[in-house]
C-alpha cells in the first residue's frame, strides 16, 4: 500500500471514530426546551466564580457547582449518540 493510500485510510478511520463518539446531554422526563434554557441560565449564574478585588475570578469548582445545580433541579447528564434528535 502506498503512503498516500495509507494516509487516506487512516484519515477515514479517524473521521468514522470521531463521528460515532457519544456526546453528553442533559435530560429530564417531560421537560420542555424552555425549562432547560431557564434552568441552565439559573445554574450558570449560581455557579459563577467569586469576584476578587483585583477584578479576576476564582473559578475553582465551577463545573461541579453547575452540575450540582442542574441535578438538584431534576436534570441528569446522559450519553447521547451522535445524530440524536435531543439537542440539549
PDB file of N, CA and C in Angstrom:
ATOM      1  N   UNK A   1       0.858  -1.171   0.000  1.00  0.00           N
ATOM      2  CA  UNK A   1       0.000   0.000   0.000  1.00  0.00           C
ATOM      3  C   UNK A   1       0.905   1.235   0.000  1.00  0.00           C
ATOM      4  N   UNK A   2       0.568   2.211  -0.795  1.00  0.00           N
ATOM      5  CA  UNK A   2       1.383   3.414  -0.873  1.00  0.00           C
ATOM      6  C   UNK A   2       1.131   4.303   0.345  1.00  0.00           C
ATOM      7  N   UNK A   3       2.028   5.229   0.554  1.00  0.00           N
ATOM      8  CA  UNK A   3       1.900   6.150   1.689  1.00  0.00           C
ATOM      9  C   UNK A   3       0.623   6.974   1.576  1.00  0.00           C
ATOM     10  N   UNK A   4       0.317   7.398   0.354  1.00  0.00           N
ATOM     11  CA  UNK A   4      -0.896   8.201   0.155  1.00  0.00           C
ATOM     12  C   UNK A   4      -2.158   7.385   0.464  1.00  0.00           C
ATOM     13  N   UNK A   5      -2.214   6.162  -0.032  1.00  0.00           N
ATOM     14  CA  UNK A   5      -3.378   5.312   0.219  1.00  0.00           C
ATOM     15  C   UNK A   5      -3.525   5.022   1.712  1.00  0.00           C
ATOM     16  N   UNK A   6      -2.412   4.768   2.374  1.00  0.00           N
ATOM     17  CA  UNK A   6      -2.435   4.517   3.814  1.00  0.00           C
ATOM     18  C   UNK A   6      -2.931   5.749   4.561  1.00  0.00           C
ATOM     19  N   UNK A   7      -2.503   6.925   4.160  1.00  0.00           N
ATOM     20  CA  UNK A   7      -2.946   8.172   4.784  1.00  0.00           C
ATOM     21  C   UNK A   7      -4.448   8.357   4.636  1.00  0.00           C
ATOM     22  N   UNK A   8      -4.964   8.067   3.458  1.00  0.00           N
ATOM     23  CA  UNK A   8      -6.405   8.203   3.204  1.00  0.00           C
ATOM     24  C   UNK A   8      -7.200   7.235   4.077  1.00  0.00           C
ATOM     25  N   UNK A   9      -6.741   6.008   4.179  1.00  0.00           N
ATOM     26  CA  UNK A   9      -7.421   5.007   5.001  1.00  0.00           C
ATOM     27  C   UNK A   9      -7.413   5.429   6.469  1.00  0.00           C
ATOM     28  N   UNK A  10      -6.278   5.915   6.952  1.00  0.00           N
ATOM     29  CA  UNK A  10      -6.181   6.338   8.349  1.00  0.00           C
ATOM     30  C   UNK A  10      -7.075   7.542   8.629  1.00  0.00           C
ATOM     31  N   UNK A  11      -7.117   8.507   7.719  1.00  0.00           N
ATOM     32  CA  UNK A  11      -7.979   9.671   7.924  1.00  0.00           C
ATOM     33  C   UNK A  11      -9.451   9.261   7.919  1.00  0.00           C
ATOM     34  N   UNK A  12      -9.827   8.364   7.047  1.00  0.00           N
ATOM     35  CA  UNK A  12     -11.215   7.889   7.006  1.00  0.00           C
ATOM     36  C   UNK A  12     -11.580   7.180   8.305  1.00  0.00           C
ATOM     37  N   UNK A  13     -10.664   6.379   8.828  1.00  0.00           N
ATOM     38  CA  UNK A  13     -10.912   5.683  10.094  1.00  0.00           C
ATOM     39  C   UNK A  13     -11.069   6.674  11.241  1.00  0.00           C
ATOM     40  N   UNK A  14     -10.273   7.727  11.252  1.00  0.00           N
ATOM     41  CA  UNK A  14     -10.360   8.729  12.310  1.00  0.00           C
ATOM     42  C   UNK A  14     -11.679   9.489  12.243  1.00  0.00           C
ATOM     43  N   UNK A  15     -12.125   9.825  11.040  1.00  0.00           N
ATOM     44  CA  UNK A  15     -13.399  10.524  10.874  1.00  0.00           C
ATOM     45  C   UNK A  15     -14.546   9.648  11.366  1.00  0.00           C
ATOM     46  N   UNK A  16     -14.531   8.388  11.018  1.00  0.00           N
ATOM     47  CA  UNK A  16     -15.580   7.466  11.461  1.00  0.00           C
ATOM     48  C   UNK A  16     -15.581   7.324  12.977  1.00  0.00           C
ATOM     49  N   UNK A  17     -14.421   7.213  13.572  1.00  0.00           N
ATOM     50  CA  UNK A  17     -14.311   7.049  15.017  1.00  0.00           C
ATOM     51  C   UNK A  17     -14.817   8.284  15.746  1.00  0.00           C
ATOM     52  N   UNK A  18     -14.486   9.458  15.239  1.00  0.00           N
ATOM     53  CA  UNK A  18     -14.916  10.703  15.886  1.00  0.00           C
ATOM     54  C   UNK A  18     -16.411  10.926  15.710  1.00  0.00           C
ATOM     55  N   UNK A  19     -16.933  10.581  14.580  1.00  0.00           N
ATOM     56  CA  UNK A  19     -18.347  10.804  14.300  1.00  0.00           C
ATOM     57  C   UNK A  19     -19.272   9.901  15.088  1.00  0.00           C
ATOM     58  N   UNK A  20     -18.793   8.800  15.603  1.00  0.00           N
ATOM     59  CA  UNK A  20     -19.668   7.875  16.306  1.00  0.00           C
ATOM     60  C   UNK A  20     -19.535   7.971  17.821  1.00  0.00           C
ATOM     61  N   UNK A  21     -18.684   8.866  18.305  1.00  0.00           N
ATOM     62  CA  UNK A  21     -18.498   9.001  19.747  1.00  0.00           C
ATOM     63  C   UNK A  21     -19.744   9.622  20.376  1.00  0.00           C
ATOM     64  N   UNK A  22     -20.168   9.107  21.519  1.00  0.00           N
ATOM     65  CA  UNK A  22     -21.342   9.682  22.181  1.00  0.00           C
ATOM     66  C   UNK A  22     -21.018  11.070  22.724  1.00  0.00           C
ATOM     67  N   UNK A  23     -22.028  11.915  22.794  1.00  0.00           N
ATOM     68  CA  UNK A  23     -21.880  13.225  23.394  1.00  0.00           C
ATOM     69  C   UNK A  23     -22.752  13.280  24.634  1.00  0.00           C
ATOM     70  N   UNK A  24     -22.448  14.192  25.508  1.00  0.00           N
ATOM     71  CA  UNK A  24     -23.223  14.301  26.744  1.00  0.00           C
ATOM     72  C   UNK A  24     -24.375  15.284  26.528  1.00  0.00           C
ATOM     73  N   UNK A  25     -25.498  15.011  27.154  1.00  0.00           N
ATOM     74  CA  UNK A  25     -26.670  15.879  27.059  1.00  0.00           C
ATOM     75  C   UNK A  25     -27.433  15.836  28.369  1.00  0.00           C
ATOM     76  N   UNK A  26     -28.085  16.943  28.689  1.00  0.00           N
ATOM     77  CA  UNK A  26     -28.924  16.978  29.884  1.00  0.00           C
ATOM     78  C   UNK A  26     -30.299  16.443  29.529  1.00  0.00           C
ATOM     79  N   UNK A  27     -30.875  15.657  30.424  1.00  0.00           N
ATOM     80  CA  UNK A  27     -32.172  15.043  30.173  1.00  0.00           C
ATOM     81  C   UNK A  27     -33.042  15.138  31.425  1.00  0.00           C
ATOM     82  N   UNK A  28     -34.333  15.352  31.206  1.00  0.00           N
ATOM     83  CA  UNK A  28     -35.311  15.365  32.295  1.00  0.00           C
ATOM     84  C   UNK A  28     -36.641  14.930  31.688  1.00  0.00           C
ATOM     85  N   UNK A  29     -37.251  13.905  32.246  1.00  0.00           N
ATOM     86  CA  UNK A  29     -38.515  13.426  31.678  1.00  0.00           C
ATOM     87  C   UNK A  29     -39.553  14.546  31.584  1.00  0.00           C
ATOM     88  N   UNK A  30     -40.205  14.632  30.444  1.00  0.00           N
ATOM     89  CA  UNK A  30     -41.299  15.575  30.184  1.00  0.00           C
ATOM     90  C   UNK A  30     -40.905  17.047  30.283  1.00  0.00           C
ATOM     91  N   UNK A  31     -39.622  17.363  30.263  1.00  0.00           N
ATOM     92  CA  UNK A  31     -39.189  18.758  30.320  1.00  0.00           C
ATOM     93  C   UNK A  31     -39.250  19.390  28.933  1.00  0.00           C
ATOM     94  N   UNK A  32     -39.513  20.668  28.906  1.00  0.00           N
ATOM     95  CA  UNK A  32     -39.528  21.409  27.638  1.00  0.00           C
ATOM     96  C   UNK A  32     -38.162  22.064  27.413  1.00  0.00           C
ATOM     97  N   UNK A  33     -37.920  22.457  26.197  1.00  0.00           N
ATOM     98  CA  UNK A  33     -36.676  23.168  25.881  1.00  0.00           C
ATOM     99  C   UNK A  33     -36.600  24.467  26.670  1.00  0.00           C
ATOM    100  N   UNK A  34     -37.727  25.157  26.825  1.00  0.00           N
ATOM    101  CA  UNK A  34     -37.759  26.403  27.596  1.00  0.00           C
ATOM    102  C   UNK A  34     -37.361  26.164  29.055  1.00  0.00           C
ATOM    103  N   UNK A  35     -37.835  25.062  29.626  1.00  0.00           N
ATOM    104  CA  UNK A  35     -37.473  24.730  31.007  1.00  0.00           C
ATOM    105  C   UNK A  35     -35.967  24.472  31.113  1.00  0.00           C
ATOM    106  N   UNK A  36     -35.424  23.773  30.119  1.00  0.00           N
ATOM    107  CA  UNK A  36     -33.982  23.521  30.115  1.00  0.00           C
ATOM    108  C   UNK A  36     -33.210  24.834  30.051  1.00  0.00           C
ATOM    109  N   UNK A  37     -33.596  25.729  29.143  1.00  0.00           N
ATOM    110  CA  UNK A  37     -32.902  27.005  28.980  1.00  0.00           C
ATOM    111  C   UNK A  37     -32.974  27.826  30.268  1.00  0.00           C
ATOM    112  N   UNK A  38     -34.130  27.864  30.899  1.00  0.00           N
ATOM    113  CA  UNK A  38     -34.311  28.622  32.142  1.00  0.00           C
ATOM    114  C   UNK A  38     -33.440  28.050  33.263  1.00  0.00           C
ATOM    115  N   UNK A  39     -33.471  26.720  33.430  1.00  0.00           N
ATOM    116  CA  UNK A  39     -32.679  26.084  34.483  1.00  0.00           C
ATOM    117  C   UNK A  39     -31.191  26.257  34.221  1.00  0.00           C
ATOM    118  N   UNK A  40     -30.760  26.064  32.976  1.00  0.00           N
ATOM    119  CA  UNK A  40     -29.350  26.223  32.637  1.00  0.00           C
ATOM    120  C   UNK A  40     -28.869  27.634  32.952  1.00  0.00           C
ATOM    121  N   UNK A  41     -29.670  28.632  32.610  1.00  0.00           N
ATOM    122  CA  UNK A  41     -29.308  30.018  32.870  1.00  0.00           C
ATOM    123  C   UNK A  41     -29.170  30.280  34.371  1.00  0.00           C
ATOM    124  N   UNK A  42     -30.130  29.789  35.148  1.00  0.00           N
ATOM    125  CA  UNK A  42     -30.078  29.964  36.606  1.00  0.00           C
ATOM    126  C   UNK A  42     -28.847  29.285  37.193  1.00  0.00           C
ATOM    127  N   UNK A  43     -28.554  28.084  36.731  1.00  0.00           N
ATOM    128  CA  UNK A  43     -27.411  27.338  37.258  1.00  0.00           C
ATOM    129  C   UNK A  43     -26.086  27.970  36.840  1.00  0.00           C
ATOM    130  N   UNK A  44     -26.023  28.531  35.634  1.00  0.00           N
ATOM    131  CA  UNK A  44     -24.806  29.228  35.208  1.00  0.00           C
ATOM    132  C   UNK A  44     -24.554  30.437  36.099  1.00  0.00           C
ATOM    133  N   UNK A  45     -25.609  31.179  36.410  1.00  0.00           N
ATOM    134  CA  UNK A  45     -25.477  32.347  37.272  1.00  0.00           C
ATOM    135  C   UNK A  45     -25.022  31.931  38.671  1.00  0.00           C
ATOM    136  N   UNK A  46     -25.633  30.881  39.215  1.00  0.00           N
ATOM    137  CA  UNK A  46     -25.284  30.421  40.564  1.00  0.00           C
ATOM    138  C   UNK A  46     -23.876  29.862  40.646  1.00  0.00           C
ATOM    139  N   UNK A  47     -23.361  29.337  39.549  1.00  0.00           N
ATOM    140  CA  UNK A  47     -22.054  28.675  39.594  1.00  0.00           C
ATOM    141  C   UNK A  47     -20.894  29.590  39.226  1.00  0.00           C
ATOM    142  N   UNK A  48     -21.181  30.862  38.925  1.00  0.00           N
ATOM    143  CA  UNK A  48     -20.111  31.781  38.559  1.00  0.00           C
ATOM    144  C   UNK A  48     -19.120  31.940  39.698  1.00  0.00           C
ATOM    145  N   UNK A  49     -17.880  32.222  39.337  1.00  0.00           N
ATOM    146  CA  UNK A  49     -16.802  32.354  40.320  1.00  0.00           C
ATOM    147  C   UNK A  49     -16.958  33.578  41.195  1.00  0.00           C
ATOM    148  N   UNK A  50     -16.230  33.594  42.293  1.00  0.00           N
ATOM    149  CA  UNK A  50     -16.216  34.710  43.217  1.00  0.00           C
ATOM    150  C   UNK A  50     -15.321  35.809  42.656  1.00  0.00           C
ATOM    151  N   UNK A  51     -15.809  37.041  42.597  1.00  0.00           N
ATOM    152  CA  UNK A  51     -15.012  38.150  42.075  1.00  0.00           C
ATOM    153  C   UNK A  51     -13.996  38.578  43.124  1.00  0.00           C
ATOM    154  N   UNK A  52     -12.765  38.744  42.703  1.00  0.00           N
ATOM    155  CA  UNK A  52     -11.688  39.195  43.584  1.00  0.00           C
ATOM    156  C   UNK A  52     -11.543  40.709  43.505  1.00  0.00           C
ATOM    157  N   UNK A  53     -10.892  41.316  44.464  1.00  0.00           N
ATOM    158  CA  UNK A  53     -10.697  42.762  44.496  1.00  0.00           C
ATOM    159  C   UNK A  53      -9.990  43.261  43.241  1.00  0.00           C
ATOM    160  N   UNK A  54      -9.047  42.493  42.714  1.00  0.00           N
ATOM    161  CA  UNK A  54      -8.274  42.915  41.548  1.00  0.00           C
ATOM    162  C   UNK A  54      -9.010  42.687  40.232  1.00  0.00           C
ATOM    163  N   UNK A  55     -10.247  42.239  40.274  1.00  0.00           N
ATOM    164  CA  UNK A  55     -11.041  42.083  39.075  1.00  0.00           C
ATOM    165  C   UNK A  55     -10.993  40.698  38.454  1.00  0.00           C
ATOM    166  N   UNK A  56     -10.209  39.805  39.000  1.00  0.00           N
ATOM    167  CA  UNK A  56     -10.158  38.438  38.493  1.00  0.00           C
ATOM    168  C   UNK A  56     -11.290  37.630  39.085  1.00  0.00           C
ATOM    169  N   UNK A  57     -11.350  36.369  38.718  1.00  0.00           N
ATOM    170  CA  UNK A  57     -12.354  35.484  39.318  1.00  0.00           C
ATOM    171  C   UNK A  57     -11.690  34.227  39.823  1.00  0.00           C
ATOM    172  N   UNK A  58     -12.305  33.643  40.792  1.00  0.00           N
ATOM    173  CA  UNK A  58     -11.860  32.373  41.348  1.00  0.00           C
ATOM    174  C   UNK A  58     -12.867  31.329  40.871  1.00  0.00           C
ATOM    175  N   UNK A  59     -12.517  30.566  39.830  1.00  0.00           N
ATOM    176  CA  UNK A  59     -13.464  29.655  39.197  1.00  0.00           C
ATOM    177  C   UNK A  59     -13.349  28.212  39.661  1.00  0.00           C
ATOM    178  N   UNK A  60     -12.581  27.939  40.674  1.00  0.00           N
ATOM    179  CA  UNK A  60     -12.435  26.559  41.128  1.00  0.00           C
ATOM    180  C   UNK A  60     -13.782  25.933  41.447  1.00  0.00           C
ATOM    181  N   UNK A  61     -14.075  24.797  40.858  1.00  0.00           N
ATOM    182  CA  UNK A  61     -15.309  24.071  41.142  1.00  0.00           C
ATOM    183  C   UNK A  61     -16.519  24.551  40.376  1.00  0.00           C
ATOM    184  N   UNK A  62     -16.336  25.417  39.396  1.00  0.00           N
ATOM    185  CA  UNK A  62     -17.486  25.958  38.666  1.00  0.00           C
ATOM    186  C   UNK A  62     -18.297  24.852  37.993  1.00  0.00           C
ATOM    187  N   UNK A  63     -17.637  23.930  37.290  1.00  0.00           N
ATOM    188  CA  UNK A  63     -18.354  22.827  36.636  1.00  0.00           C
ATOM    189  C   UNK A  63     -19.124  21.984  37.643  1.00  0.00           C
ATOM    190  N   UNK A  64     -18.495  21.712  38.765  1.00  0.00           N
ATOM    191  CA  UNK A  64     -19.145  20.896  39.795  1.00  0.00           C
ATOM    192  C   UNK A  64     -20.379  21.604  40.347  1.00  0.00           C
ATOM    193  N   UNK A  65     -20.269  22.925  40.584  1.00  0.00           N
ATOM    194  CA  UNK A  65     -21.422  23.677  41.097  1.00  0.00           C
ATOM    195  C   UNK A  65     -22.547  23.713  40.061  1.00  0.00           C
ATOM    196  N   UNK A  66     -22.187  23.888  38.786  1.00  0.00           N
ATOM    197  CA  UNK A  66     -23.191  23.911  37.721  1.00  0.00           C
ATOM    198  C   UNK A  66     -23.914  22.567  37.649  1.00  0.00           C
ATOM    199  N   UNK A  67     -23.152  21.472  37.625  1.00  0.00           N
ATOM    200  CA  UNK A  67     -23.763  20.151  37.531  1.00  0.00           C
ATOM    201  C   UNK A  67     -24.619  19.843  38.758  1.00  0.00           C
ATOM    202  N   UNK A  68     -24.162  20.238  39.929  1.00  0.00           N
ATOM    203  CA  UNK A  68     -24.951  20.016  41.152  1.00  0.00           C
ATOM    204  C   UNK A  68     -26.275  20.759  41.087  1.00  0.00           C
ATOM    205  N   UNK A  69     -26.240  21.983  40.570  1.00  0.00           N
ATOM    206  CA  UNK A  69     -27.459  22.782  40.433  1.00  0.00           C
ATOM    207  C   UNK A  69     -28.430  22.124  39.450  1.00  0.00           C
ATOM    208  N   UNK A  70     -27.920  21.697  38.302  1.00  0.00           N
ATOM    209  CA  UNK A  70     -28.780  21.041  37.309  1.00  0.00           C
ATOM    210  C   UNK A  70     -29.410  19.783  37.902  1.00  0.00           C
ATOM    211  N   UNK A  71     -28.612  18.987  38.587  1.00  0.00           N
ATOM    212  CA  UNK A  71     -29.125  17.747  39.190  1.00  0.00           C
ATOM    213  C   UNK A  71     -30.150  18.043  40.275  1.00  0.00           C
ATOM    214  N   UNK A  72     -29.931  19.107  41.051  1.00  0.00           N
ATOM    215  CA  UNK A  72     -30.880  19.491  42.096  1.00  0.00           C
ATOM    216  C   UNK A  72     -32.226  19.895  41.504  1.00  0.00           C
ATOM    217  N   UNK A  73     -32.222  20.317  40.238  1.00  0.00           N
ATOM    218  CA  UNK A  73     -33.452  20.693  39.551  1.00  0.00           C
ATOM    219  C   UNK A  73     -34.039  19.543  38.731  1.00  0.00           C
ATOM    220  N   UNK A  74     -33.538  18.326  38.950  1.00  0.00           N
ATOM    221  CA  UNK A  74     -34.118  17.144  38.314  1.00  0.00           C
ATOM    222  C   UNK A  74     -33.506  16.717  36.998  1.00  0.00           C
ATOM    223  N   UNK A  75     -32.434  17.382  36.554  1.00  0.00           N
ATOM    224  CA  UNK A  75     -31.787  17.032  35.297  1.00  0.00           C
ATOM    225  C   UNK A  75     -30.681  16.023  35.533  1.00  0.00           C
ATOM    226  N   UNK A  76     -30.480  15.123  34.574  1.00  0.00           N
ATOM    227  CA  UNK A  76     -29.386  14.143  34.639  1.00  0.00           C
ATOM    228  C   UNK A  76     -28.567  14.252  33.358  1.00  0.00           C
ATOM    229  N   UNK A  77     -27.269  14.041  33.485  1.00  0.00           N
ATOM    230  CA  UNK A  77     -26.360  14.090  32.340  1.00  0.00           C
ATOM    231  C   UNK A  77     -26.254  12.677  31.771  1.00  0.00           C
ATOM    232  N   UNK A  78     -26.584  12.524  30.488  1.00  0.00           N
ATOM    233  CA  UNK A  78     -26.587  11.209  29.849  1.00  0.00           C
ATOM    234  C   UNK A  78     -25.690  11.194  28.609  1.00  0.00           C
ATOM    235  N   UNK A  79     -25.252  10.015  28.232  1.00  0.00           N
ATOM    236  CA  UNK A  79     -24.574   9.834  26.940  1.00  0.00           C
ATOM    237  C   UNK A  79     -25.643   9.788  25.877  1.00  0.00           C
ATOM    238  N   UNK A  80     -25.437  10.536  24.809  1.00  0.00           N
ATOM    239  CA  UNK A  80     -26.404  10.517  23.716  1.00  0.00           C
ATOM    240  C   UNK A  80     -25.646  10.269  22.423  1.00  0.00           C
ATOM    241  N   UNK A  81     -26.101   9.334  21.631  1.00  0.00           N
ATOM    242  CA  UNK A  81     -25.427   9.050  20.358  1.00  0.00           C
ATOM    243  C   UNK A  81     -25.454  10.253  19.433  1.00  0.00           C
ATOM    244  N   UNK A  82     -24.413  10.395  18.620  1.00  0.00           N
ATOM    245  CA  UNK A  82     -24.386  11.473  17.624  1.00  0.00           C
ATOM    246  C   UNK A  82     -25.585  11.329  16.707  1.00  0.00           C
ATOM    247  N   UNK A  83     -26.160  12.458  16.346  1.00  0.00           N
ATOM    248  CA  UNK A  83     -27.308  12.445  15.440  1.00  0.00           C
ATOM    249  C   UNK A  83     -28.635  12.266  16.143  1.00  0.00           C
ATOM    250  N   UNK A  84     -28.641  12.181  17.466  1.00  0.00           N
ATOM    251  CA  UNK A  84     -29.876  12.035  18.210  1.00  0.00           C
ATOM    252  C   UNK A  84     -30.722  13.299  18.065  1.00  0.00           C
ATOM    253  N   UNK A  85     -32.023  13.156  18.151  1.00  0.00           N
ATOM    254  CA  UNK A  85     -32.927  14.299  17.994  1.00  0.00           C
ATOM    255  C   UNK A  85     -32.837  15.264  19.168  1.00  0.00           C
ATOM    256  N   UNK A  86     -32.461  14.803  20.351  1.00  0.00           N
ATOM    257  CA  UNK A  86     -32.358  15.671  21.525  1.00  0.00           C
ATOM    258  C   UNK A  86     -31.176  16.601  21.346  1.00  0.00           C
ATOM    259  N   UNK A  87     -31.399  17.902  21.517  1.00  0.00           N
ATOM    260  CA  UNK A  87     -30.332  18.851  21.252  1.00  0.00           C
ATOM    261  C   UNK A  87     -29.823  19.576  22.487  1.00  0.00           C
ATOM    262  N   UNK A  88     -30.210  19.179  23.678  1.00  0.00           N
ATOM    263  CA  UNK A  88     -29.719  19.862  24.860  1.00  0.00           C
ATOM    264  C   UNK A  88     -28.753  18.981  25.544  1.00  0.00           C
TER     265      UNK A  88
END
